[in-house]
Amino acid sequence: MSSPFNVLQPWKPGDTREVPERKLKQVRLEGKYDSYSQVYELDGRQWKIQGQLSHPSGDTLFTLVCVNE
């Protein structure tokens, strides 16, 4: 019997998500960042930074947009 809930987000081009700076640093260390095209690979999709929000605590959240180039 299958679950009625879709656990994984079916990302498509134009979708956005917020990712903490520490996660983006980890992705770079894993070699899943193309510095030429400035594209991150997350969850089998390609993402570009669309914006960022810095909090008073020093934490930064980046808004990524799915481009799947």
N, C-alpha and C. Protein backbone atom coordinates (compact mmCIF):
# COMPACT_ATOMS: atom_id res chain seq x y z
N MET A 1 0.84 -1.16 0.00
CA MET A 1 0.00 0.00 0.00
C MET A 1 0.90 1.24 0.00
N SER A 2 0.64 2.17 -0.93
CA SER A 2 1.49 3.35 -1.02
C SER A 2 0.96 4.47 -0.14
N SER A 3 1.87 5.30 0.29
CA SER A 3 1.52 6.42 1.16
C SER A 3 0.90 7.56 0.33
N PRO A 4 -0.11 8.24 0.85
CA PRO A 4 -0.71 9.35 0.11
C PRO A 4 0.13 10.62 0.17
N PHE A 5 1.21 10.59 0.96
CA PHE A 5 2.05 11.77 1.12
C PHE A 5 3.30 11.67 0.25
N ASN A 6 3.62 12.74 -0.44
CA ASN A 6 4.83 12.81 -1.24
C ASN A 6 5.92 13.41 -0.36
N VAL A 7 6.85 12.58 0.09
CA VAL A 7 7.87 13.02 1.03
C VAL A 7 8.92 13.91 0.35
N LEU A 8 9.34 13.55 -0.85
CA LEU A 8 10.34 14.33 -1.57
C LEU A 8 9.67 15.37 -2.45
N GLN A 9 10.21 16.57 -2.43
CA GLN A 9 9.68 17.66 -3.24
C GLN A 9 10.02 17.42 -4.71
N PRO A 10 9.04 17.43 -5.60
CA PRO A 10 9.35 17.27 -7.04
C PRO A 10 9.76 18.63 -7.63
N TRP A 11 11.02 19.02 -7.41
CA TRP A 11 11.50 20.32 -7.83
C TRP A 11 11.43 20.48 -9.33
N LYS A 12 11.03 21.67 -9.77
CA LYS A 12 11.01 21.97 -11.20
C LYS A 12 11.57 23.37 -11.42
N PRO A 13 12.02 23.70 -12.63
CA PRO A 13 12.60 25.02 -12.89
C PRO A 13 11.66 26.14 -12.44
N GLY A 14 12.26 27.12 -11.76
CA GLY A 14 11.50 28.25 -11.25
C GLY A 14 11.16 28.12 -9.77
N ASP A 15 11.21 26.89 -9.22
CA ASP A 15 10.96 26.70 -7.80
C ASP A 15 12.08 27.33 -6.99
N THR A 16 11.76 27.78 -5.79
CA THR A 16 12.77 28.37 -4.91
C THR A 16 12.81 27.63 -3.58
N ARG A 17 13.94 27.74 -2.92
CA ARG A 17 14.12 27.15 -1.59
C ARG A 17 15.16 27.97 -0.84
N GLU A 18 15.09 27.92 0.49
CA GLU A 18 16.08 28.61 1.32
C GLU A 18 17.05 27.58 1.86
N VAL A 19 18.33 27.93 1.78
CA VAL A 19 19.40 27.03 2.21
C VAL A 19 20.37 27.82 3.08
N PRO A 20 20.73 27.29 4.26
CA PRO A 20 21.70 27.99 5.11
C PRO A 20 23.10 27.99 4.48
N GLU A 21 23.86 29.01 4.80
CA GLU A 21 25.21 29.17 4.25
C GLU A 21 26.08 27.94 4.51
N ARG A 22 25.96 27.33 5.69
CA ARG A 22 26.79 26.16 6.01
C ARG A 22 26.52 25.00 5.06
N LYS A 23 25.27 24.86 4.60
CA LYS A 23 24.93 23.79 3.65
C LYS A 23 25.59 24.06 2.29
N LEU A 24 25.59 25.32 1.86
CA LEU A 24 26.23 25.65 0.59
C LEU A 24 27.74 25.42 0.65
N LYS A 25 28.35 25.71 1.80
CA LYS A 25 29.78 25.45 1.97
C LYS A 25 30.05 23.95 1.87
N GLN A 26 29.19 23.14 2.47
CA GLN A 26 29.33 21.69 2.41
C GLN A 26 29.22 21.18 0.97
N VAL A 27 28.27 21.73 0.22
CA VAL A 27 28.07 21.34 -1.17
C VAL A 27 29.33 21.67 -1.99
N ARG A 28 29.92 22.83 -1.74
CA ARG A 28 31.16 23.20 -2.44
C ARG A 28 32.28 22.21 -2.14
N LEU A 29 32.42 21.84 -0.86
CA LEU A 29 33.46 20.88 -0.47
C LEU A 29 33.25 19.52 -1.11
N GLU A 30 31.99 19.16 -1.36
CA GLU A 30 31.67 17.88 -2.00
C GLU A 30 31.86 17.92 -3.52
N GLY A 31 32.25 19.10 -4.05
CA GLY A 31 32.48 19.22 -5.48
C GLY A 31 31.21 19.34 -6.30
N LYS A 32 30.14 19.78 -5.67
CA LYS A 32 28.86 19.89 -6.38
C LYS A 32 28.51 21.35 -6.67
N TYR A 33 29.54 22.15 -6.95
CA TYR A 33 29.36 23.55 -7.31
C TYR A 33 30.22 23.85 -8.51
N ASP A 34 29.63 24.43 -9.54
CA ASP A 34 30.36 24.83 -10.75
C ASP A 34 30.60 26.33 -10.67
N SER A 35 31.83 26.73 -10.39
CA SER A 35 32.13 28.15 -10.20
C SER A 35 32.02 28.95 -11.50
N TYR A 36 32.16 28.30 -12.63
CA TYR A 36 32.05 29.01 -13.91
C TYR A 36 30.60 29.44 -14.16
N SER A 37 29.67 28.50 -14.01
CA SER A 37 28.25 28.81 -14.25
C SER A 37 27.53 29.22 -12.97
N GLN A 38 28.22 29.12 -11.83
CA GLN A 38 27.67 29.46 -10.51
C GLN A 38 26.41 28.65 -10.21
N VAL A 39 26.49 27.35 -10.45
CA VAL A 39 25.35 26.44 -10.25
C VAL A 39 25.71 25.41 -9.17
N TYR A 40 24.78 25.23 -8.24
CA TYR A 40 24.90 24.21 -7.21
C TYR A 40 24.06 23.01 -7.61
N GLU A 41 24.52 21.80 -7.25
CA GLU A 41 23.73 20.59 -7.50
C GLU A 41 23.21 20.08 -6.16
N LEU A 42 21.88 20.13 -6.00
CA LEU A 42 21.21 19.67 -4.78
C LEU A 42 20.00 18.83 -5.18
N ASP A 43 19.83 17.70 -4.53
CA ASP A 43 18.66 16.84 -4.75
C ASP A 43 18.44 16.50 -6.22
N GLY A 44 19.54 16.32 -6.96
CA GLY A 44 19.43 15.92 -8.36
C GLY A 44 19.02 17.04 -9.30
N ARG A 45 19.01 18.27 -8.81
CA ARG A 45 18.64 19.43 -9.62
C ARG A 45 19.75 20.47 -9.56
N GLN A 46 19.70 21.44 -10.48
CA GLN A 46 20.69 22.51 -10.50
C GLN A 46 20.04 23.80 -10.01
N TRP A 47 20.79 24.54 -9.18
CA TRP A 47 20.27 25.73 -8.50
C TRP A 47 21.23 26.90 -8.61
N LYS A 48 20.68 28.11 -8.69
CA LYS A 48 21.48 29.34 -8.66
C LYS A 48 20.99 30.20 -7.51
N ILE A 49 21.91 30.99 -6.95
CA ILE A 49 21.54 31.91 -5.87
C ILE A 49 20.71 33.05 -6.45
N GLN A 50 19.57 33.28 -5.81
CA GLN A 50 18.68 34.36 -6.23
C GLN A 50 18.76 35.55 -5.26
N GLY A 51 19.05 35.26 -3.99
CA GLY A 51 19.13 36.31 -2.99
C GLY A 51 19.67 35.76 -1.69
N GLN A 52 19.83 36.65 -0.72
CA GLN A 52 20.31 36.21 0.59
C GLN A 52 19.72 37.08 1.67
N LEU A 53 19.61 36.51 2.86
CA LEU A 53 19.07 37.20 4.02
C LEU A 53 20.00 36.94 5.19
N SER A 54 20.56 38.01 5.73
CA SER A 54 21.46 37.89 6.88
C SER A 54 20.69 38.20 8.15
N HIS A 55 20.83 37.35 9.14
CA HIS A 55 20.16 37.51 10.43
C HIS A 55 21.12 38.18 11.43
N PRO A 56 20.57 38.86 12.43
CA PRO A 56 21.43 39.50 13.45
C PRO A 56 22.35 38.51 14.16
N SER A 57 21.96 37.24 14.19
CA SER A 57 22.78 36.22 14.84
C SER A 57 24.05 35.90 14.05
N GLY A 58 24.11 36.40 12.81
CA GLY A 58 25.27 36.12 11.96
C GLY A 58 24.99 35.02 10.95
N ASP A 59 23.88 34.32 11.11
CA ASP A 59 23.51 33.28 10.15
C ASP A 59 23.01 33.92 8.84
N THR A 60 23.30 33.26 7.73
CA THR A 60 22.84 33.74 6.43
C THR A 60 22.06 32.64 5.74
N LEU A 61 20.89 33.00 5.23
CA LEU A 61 20.08 32.09 4.43
C LEU A 61 20.13 32.56 2.98
N PHE A 62 20.36 31.62 2.07
CA PHE A 62 20.38 31.95 0.66
C PHE A 62 19.11 31.41 0.01
N THR A 63 18.51 32.22 -0.85
CA THR A 63 17.36 31.76 -1.64
C THR A 63 17.92 31.26 -2.96
N LEU A 64 17.63 30.00 -3.26
CA LEU A 64 18.09 29.41 -4.51
C LEU A 64 16.90 29.19 -5.42
N VAL A 65 17.12 29.32 -6.73
CA VAL A 65 16.09 29.06 -7.71
C VAL A 65 16.54 27.87 -8.56
N CYS A 66 15.61 26.95 -8.82
CA CYS A 66 15.92 25.77 -9.63
C CYS A 66 16.02 26.19 -11.09
N VAL A 67 17.15 25.90 -11.70
CA VAL A 67 17.36 26.25 -13.11
C VAL A 67 17.46 25.01 -13.97
N ASN A 68 17.91 23.91 -13.41
CA ASN A 68 18.05 22.63 -14.09
C ASN A 68 18.56 22.77 -15.51
N GLU A 69 19.66 23.51 -15.67
CA GLU A 69 20.26 23.75 -16.99
C GLU A 69 20.84 22.51 -17.59
